[in-house]
C-alpha atoms as a PDB file:
ATOM      1  CA  MET A   1      -9.704   6.531   3.364  1.00  0.00           C
ATOM      2  CA  ILE A   2      -9.922   2.592   3.910  1.00  0.00           C
ATOM      3  CA  GLU A   3      -7.431   0.983   6.213  1.00  0.00           C
ATOM      4  CA  ILE A   4      -6.444  -2.676   5.090  1.00  0.00           C
ATOM      5  CA  THR A   5      -6.949  -4.674   8.149  1.00  0.00           C
ATOM      6  CA  GLU A   6      -6.515  -8.098   7.039  1.00  0.00           C
ATOM      7  CA  ILE A   7      -2.784  -7.634   7.063  1.00  0.00           C
ATOM      8  CA  THR A   8      -1.070 -10.319   9.255  1.00  0.00           C
ATOM      9  CA  ASP A   9       2.613 -11.530  10.023  1.00  0.00           C
ATOM     10  CA  ASP A  10       2.418 -14.081   7.062  1.00  0.00           C
ATOM     11  CA  TYR A  11       5.638 -13.735   4.872  1.00  0.00           C
ATOM     12  CA  LYS A  12       3.325 -14.051   1.696  1.00  0.00           C
ATOM     13  CA  GLN A  13      -0.100 -12.765   1.395  1.00  0.00           C
ATOM     14  CA  SER A  14      -2.995 -11.965  -1.432  1.00  0.00           C
ATOM     15  CA  PHE A  15      -6.058  -9.745  -1.146  1.00  0.00           C
ATOM     16  CA  PHE A  16      -8.835  -8.568  -3.431  1.00  0.00           C
ATOM     17  CA  LEU A  17      -9.514  -4.941  -2.645  1.00  0.00           C
ATOM     18  CA  GLU A  18     -12.167  -2.494  -3.515  1.00  0.00           C
ATOM     19  CA  SER A  19     -11.566   1.318  -3.506  1.00  0.00           C
ATOM     20  CA  GLU A  20     -14.136   3.976  -2.019  1.00  0.00           C
ATOM     21  CA  ASN A  21     -15.398   4.334  -5.632  1.00  0.00           C
ATOM     22  CA  LYS A  22     -15.684   0.306  -6.047  1.00  0.00           C
ATOM     23  CA  GLU A  23     -12.609   0.046  -8.321  1.00  0.00           C
ATOM     24  CA  ARG A  24     -11.357  -3.640  -7.336  1.00  0.00           C
ATOM     25  CA  PHE A  25      -7.558  -4.398  -7.539  1.00  0.00           C
ATOM     26  CA  LYS A  26      -5.437  -7.488  -6.389  1.00  0.00           C
ATOM     27  CA  LEU A  27      -2.848  -6.614  -3.956  1.00  0.00           C
ATOM     28  CA  GLU A  28      -0.074  -9.065  -2.835  1.00  0.00           C
ATOM     29  CA  LEU A  29       2.427  -8.555  -0.023  1.00  0.00           C
ATOM     30  CA  PHE A  30       5.677 -10.369   0.725  1.00  0.00           C
ATOM     31  CA  TYR A  31       8.383  -9.852   3.372  1.00  0.00           C
ATOM     32  CA  THR A  32      12.001 -10.927   2.398  1.00  0.00           C
ATOM     33  CA  ILE A  33      14.179 -11.609   5.589  1.00  0.00           C
ATOM     34  CA  ALA A  34      17.435 -11.018   3.493  1.00  0.00           C
ATOM     35  CA  GLN A  35      16.437  -7.473   2.790  1.00  0.00           C
ATOM     36  CA  GLU A  36      14.158  -6.707   5.936  1.00  0.00           C
ATOM     37  CA  SER A  37      11.528  -5.280   3.923  1.00  0.00           C
ATOM     38  CA  TRP A  38       8.123  -5.585   2.599  1.00  0.00           C
ATOM     39  CA  TYR A  39       7.265  -5.845  -1.145  1.00  0.00           C
ATOM     40  CA  PHE A  40       4.013  -5.754  -3.219  1.00  0.00           C
ATOM     41  CA  ASN A  41       2.766  -6.984  -6.480  1.00  0.00           C
ATOM     42  CA  PHE A  42      -0.397  -5.075  -7.575  1.00  0.00           C
ATOM     43  CA  THR A  43      -2.798  -5.579 -10.312  1.00  0.00           C
ATOM     44  CA  TYR A  44      -5.423  -3.017 -11.432  1.00  0.00           C
ATOM     45  CA  LYS A  45      -7.231  -3.653 -14.849  1.00  0.00           C
ATOM     46  CA  ASP A  46      -4.411  -4.153 -17.402  1.00  0.00           C
ATOM     47  CA  ILE A  47      -1.934  -2.365 -15.221  1.00  0.00           C
ATOM     48  CA  THR A  48       0.588  -4.794 -13.159  1.00  0.00           C
ATOM     49  CA  ILE A  49       3.213  -3.893 -10.864  1.00  0.00           C
ATOM     50  CA  ASN A  50       5.780  -6.292  -9.760  1.00  0.00           C
ATOM     51  CA  SER A  51       8.069  -6.688  -6.794  1.00  0.00           C
ATOM     52  CA  GLN A  52       7.782  -2.779  -5.667  1.00  0.00           C
ATOM     53  CA  LYS A  53       9.439  -2.255  -2.040  1.00  0.00           C
ATOM     54  CA  LEU A  54       6.669  -0.807   0.186  1.00  0.00           C
ATOM     55  CA  ILE A  55       7.756   2.238   1.517  1.00  0.00           C
ATOM     56  CA  THR A  56       6.100   4.891   3.837  1.00  0.00           C
ATOM     57  CA  ASP A  57       4.753   7.239   1.512  1.00  0.00           C
ATOM     58  CA  PHE A  58       0.927   8.986   1.216  1.00  0.00           C
ATOM     59  CA  ASP A  59       0.724   8.220  -2.729  1.00  0.00           C
ATOM     60  CA  ILE A  60       2.707   4.787  -3.404  1.00  0.00           C
ATOM     61  CA  LEU A  61       0.922   4.772  -6.849  1.00  0.00           C
ATOM     62  CA  LYS A  62       1.702   8.396  -7.870  1.00  0.00           C
ATOM     63  CA  GLN A  63       3.580   7.289 -11.121  1.00  0.00           C
ATOM     64  CA  TYR A  64       0.107   5.965 -12.117  1.00  0.00           C
ATOM     65  CA  LYS A  65      -2.092   9.182 -10.845  1.00  0.00           C
ATOM     66  CA  ASN A  66      -3.745   9.785 -14.123  1.00  0.00           C
ATOM     67  CA  ILE A  67      -4.501   6.237 -14.798  1.00  0.00           C
ATOM     68  CA  ILE A  68      -5.369   4.605 -11.449  1.00  0.00           C
ATOM     69  CA  PRO A  69      -8.625   6.538  -9.883  1.00  0.00           C
ATOM     70  CA  PHE A  70      -6.870   5.635  -6.299  1.00  0.00           C
ATOM     71  CA  SER A  71      -3.661   5.011  -4.569  1.00  0.00           C
ATOM     72  CA  LEU A  72      -2.039   3.440  -1.584  1.00  0.00           C
ATOM     73  CA  ALA A  73      -0.588   5.067   1.479  1.00  0.00           C
ATOM     74  CA  CYS A  74       1.669   3.384   3.900  1.00  0.00           C
ATOM     75  CA  ILE A  75       1.972   5.239   7.163  1.00  0.00           C
ATOM     76  CA  ASN A  76       4.276   4.272   9.833  1.00  0.00           C
ATOM     77  CA  GLU A  77       4.172   6.016  13.238  1.00  0.00           C
ATOM     78  CA  ASN A  78       8.339   6.331  13.165  1.00  0.00           C
ATOM     79  CA  ALA A  79       8.216   7.698   9.585  1.00  0.00           C
ATOM     80  CA  ILE A  80      10.494   4.522   8.588  1.00  0.00           C
ATOM     81  CA  ASP A  81       9.732   1.900   5.837  1.00  0.00           C
ATOM     82  CA  PRO A  82       8.100  -1.233   7.190  1.00  0.00           C
ATOM     83  CA  ALA A  83      11.141  -3.568   8.136  1.00  0.00           C
ATOM     84  CA  PHE A  84       9.874  -6.311  10.124  1.00  0.00           C
ATOM     85  CA  LEU A  85       7.495  -8.995   9.834  1.00  0.00           C
ATOM     86  CA  ASP A  86       5.132  -7.815  12.273  1.00  0.00           C
ATOM     87  CA  SER A  87       5.179  -4.115  11.168  1.00  0.00           C
ATOM     88  CA  PHE A  88       1.438  -4.164  10.537  1.00  0.00           C
ATOM     89  CA  ILE A  89       0.144  -6.152  13.490  1.00  0.00           C
ATOM     90  CA  ASP A  90       2.364  -4.521  16.081  1.00  0.00           C
ATOM     91  CA  GLY A  91       0.493  -1.127  15.001  1.00  0.00           C
ATOM     92  CA  THR A  92       3.427   0.742  13.838  1.00  0.00           C
ATOM     93  CA  THR A  93       2.524   0.528  10.233  1.00  0.00           C
ATOM     94  CA  GLN A  94      -0.871   1.031   8.628  1.00  0.00           C
ATOM     95  CA  LEU A  95      -1.824   0.551   5.096  1.00  0.00           C
ATOM     96  CA  PHE A  96      -4.648   2.301   3.302  1.00  0.00           C
ATOM     97  CA  ILE A  97      -6.492   3.042  -0.022  1.00  0.00           C
ATOM     98  CA  LEU A  98      -7.254   6.578  -0.794  1.00  0.00           C
ATOM     99  CA  SER A  99      -9.005   8.179  -3.589  1.00  0.00           C
ATOM    100  CA  ARG A 100      -7.160  10.680  -5.643  1.00  0.00           C
ATOM    101  CA  ASP A 101      -8.989  13.593  -3.869  1.00  0.00           C
ATOM    102  CA  GLU A 102      -7.912  12.407  -0.564  1.00  0.00           C
ATOM    103  CA  VAL A 103      -4.230  12.246  -1.941  1.00  0.00           C
ATOM    104  CA  ASP A 104      -4.308  15.633  -2.993  1.00  0.00           C
ATOM    105  CA  GLU A 105      -5.761  16.777   0.437  1.00  0.00           C
ATOM    106  CA  LEU A 106      -2.908  15.038   2.383  1.00  0.00           C
ATOM    107  CA  LEU A 107      -0.187  16.036  -0.073  1.00  0.00           C
ATOM    108  CA  GLY A 108      -1.452  19.702  -0.522  1.00  0.00           C
ATOM    109  CA  ASP A 109       0.776  21.681  -2.932  1.00  0.00           C
ATOM    110  CA  LEU A 110       3.681  19.309  -2.496  1.00  0.00           C
END
């Protein structure tokens, strides 16, 4: 499990990241004031996800579990979706890169 610690309180951010098994991908985060929500764009090889709302979930990329060998987990200490510009810097919300094995371990038989 790798925590993405580079997230700031900027409205729009872009990262080139690497999973534990050295798979590289691009993650763009953006905050919308009108929706009071964080959204993301994600690119891995030929897969692109655009304008997906970032929700509290252990397996954000679950619909791609047979294609993408890792996932993202957004964890909030209050079990709510990140709703504030500073949600990641105030310590209430964390974003992680997880291997598929880690996702399976966290979710168990769910």
